[in-house]
Protein backbone atom coordinates (compact mmCIF):
# COMPACT_ATOMS: atom_id res chain seq x y z
CA UNK A 1 110.21 95.36 116.70
CA UNK A 2 112.27 92.54 118.18
CA UNK A 3 111.69 90.38 115.08
CA UNK A 4 112.83 93.21 112.80
CA UNK A 5 115.94 93.78 114.90
CA UNK A 6 116.74 90.05 114.80
CA UNK A 7 116.01 89.57 111.08
CA UNK A 8 117.97 92.64 109.97
CA UNK A 9 120.76 92.29 112.52
CA UNK A 10 120.30 95.86 113.70
CA UNK A 11 119.30 97.65 116.84
CA UNK A 12 116.20 99.74 116.28
CA UNK A 13 113.14 101.24 117.82
CA UNK A 14 109.82 102.67 116.72
CA UNK A 15 108.22 105.88 117.91
CA UNK A 16 104.68 106.26 116.59
CA UNK A 17 102.84 109.56 116.86
CA UNK A 18 99.06 109.62 116.52
CA UNK A 19 96.55 112.41 116.16
CA UNK A 20 94.35 110.60 118.68
CA UNK A 21 96.99 110.26 121.41
CA UNK A 22 99.04 112.97 123.09
CA UNK A 23 101.87 110.62 124.03
CA UNK A 24 103.57 108.59 121.26
CA UNK A 25 103.77 104.81 121.43
CA UNK A 26 107.35 103.55 121.81
CA UNK A 27 108.75 100.08 120.97
CA UNK A 28 110.32 98.05 122.41
CA UNK A 29 110.42 100.45 125.40
CA UNK A 30 111.37 104.05 126.21
CA UNK A 31 114.81 103.18 127.62
CA UNK A 32 115.81 101.24 124.47
CA UNK A 33 114.40 103.99 122.22
CA UNK A 34 116.38 106.67 124.07
CA UNK A 35 119.56 104.60 123.65
CA UNK A 36 119.00 104.09 119.89
CA UNK A 37 118.13 107.76 119.31
CA UNK A 38 121.18 108.91 121.32
CA UNK A 39 123.49 106.68 119.23
CA UNK A 40 121.84 107.97 116.04
CA UNK A 41 122.37 111.58 117.11
CA UNK A 42 126.08 110.90 117.80
CA UNK A 43 126.65 109.65 114.24
CA UNK A 44 128.22 112.00 111.67
CA UNK A 45 125.60 113.63 109.40
CA UNK A 46 126.98 111.77 106.38
CA UNK A 47 126.15 108.39 107.94
CA UNK A 48 122.85 109.37 109.58
CA UNK A 49 120.69 109.20 106.47
CA UNK A 50 122.56 106.44 104.63
CA UNK A 51 119.99 103.86 103.56
CA UNK A 52 117.17 105.75 105.23
CA UNK A 53 113.79 106.00 103.53
CA UNK A 54 110.43 107.24 104.57
CA UNK A 55 107.03 106.14 103.30
CA UNK A 56 106.57 109.27 101.18
CA UNK A 57 109.85 108.68 99.31
CA UNK A 58 108.97 105.03 98.74
CA UNK A 59 105.56 106.00 97.30
CA UNK A 60 107.13 108.65 95.04
CA UNK A 61 109.65 106.08 93.74
CA UNK A 62 106.86 103.59 93.03
CA UNK A 63 104.84 106.22 91.14
CA UNK A 64 107.90 107.22 89.09
CA UNK A 65 108.58 103.57 88.16
CA UNK A 66 104.92 103.10 87.20
CA UNK A 67 105.00 106.23 85.03
CA UNK A 68 108.20 105.05 83.38
CA UNK A 69 106.68 101.66 82.55
CA UNK A 70 103.49 103.33 81.33
CA UNK A 71 105.35 105.77 79.06
CA UNK A 72 107.56 102.99 77.68
CA UNK A 73 104.49 100.89 76.92
CA UNK A 74 102.86 103.89 75.26
CA UNK A 75 105.92 104.44 73.07
CA UNK A 76 105.95 100.79 72.03
CA UNK A 77 102.23 100.84 71.26
CA UNK A 78 102.63 104.03 69.22
CA UNK A 79 105.48 102.48 67.21
CA UNK A 80 103.44 99.46 66.14
CA UNK A 81 102.11 99.95 62.63
CA UNK A 82 98.91 97.89 62.32
CA UNK A 83 99.19 97.81 58.51
CA UNK A 84 102.71 96.39 58.73
CA UNK A 85 101.58 93.79 61.29
CA UNK A 86 98.76 92.69 58.96
CA UNK A 87 101.21 92.46 56.04
CA UNK A 88 103.62 90.36 58.12
CA UNK A 89 100.82 88.02 59.21
CA UNK A 90 99.66 87.65 55.61
CA UNK A 91 103.22 86.93 54.48
CA UNK A 92 103.66 84.29 57.16
CA UNK A 93 100.45 82.56 56.18
CA UNK A 94 101.60 82.20 52.55
CA UNK A 95 105.19 81.27 53.44
CA UNK A 96 107.01 78.18 54.43
CA UNK A 97 110.01 78.40 56.67
CA UNK A 98 112.75 75.80 56.60
CA UNK A 99 116.21 75.38 58.06
CA UNK A 100 119.12 75.41 55.60
CA UNK A 101 122.75 75.42 56.76
CA UNK A 102 121.66 76.36 60.31
CA UNK A 103 119.74 79.42 59.05
CA UNK A 104 116.04 79.87 58.57
CA UNK A 105 115.01 80.41 54.97
CA UNK A 106 111.56 81.58 54.00
CA UNK A 107 110.06 80.26 50.80
CA UNK A 108 107.12 82.23 49.50
CA UNK A 109 104.65 80.30 47.39
CA UNK A 110 103.23 82.08 44.38
CA UNK A 111 99.46 82.18 44.37
CA UNK A 112 97.44 81.51 41.21
CA UNK A 113 95.35 84.72 41.50
């Protein structure tokens, strides 16, 4: 807990409840935890939860981002027309591209079929 306090430049504590233990574990010690909790309780409600997150909210946010990426990928995959891709590849293989007046120009060669 000391490292976290030093790295973040804040004063904090941890109170960990366990199903196996009746008494929670407290870091860095009970006196420091009581002081931090008392200062937290004296803060106005508006400031109390500013920047606060819990593990459940973090996991929900991660799942929502993953779903967003997945749905975007699905939309992109659905919009790809395989026939059009094959036509574009075929066109590129029978074309020559050159630069003219700082613009790319495609020259298509006529086949003797």
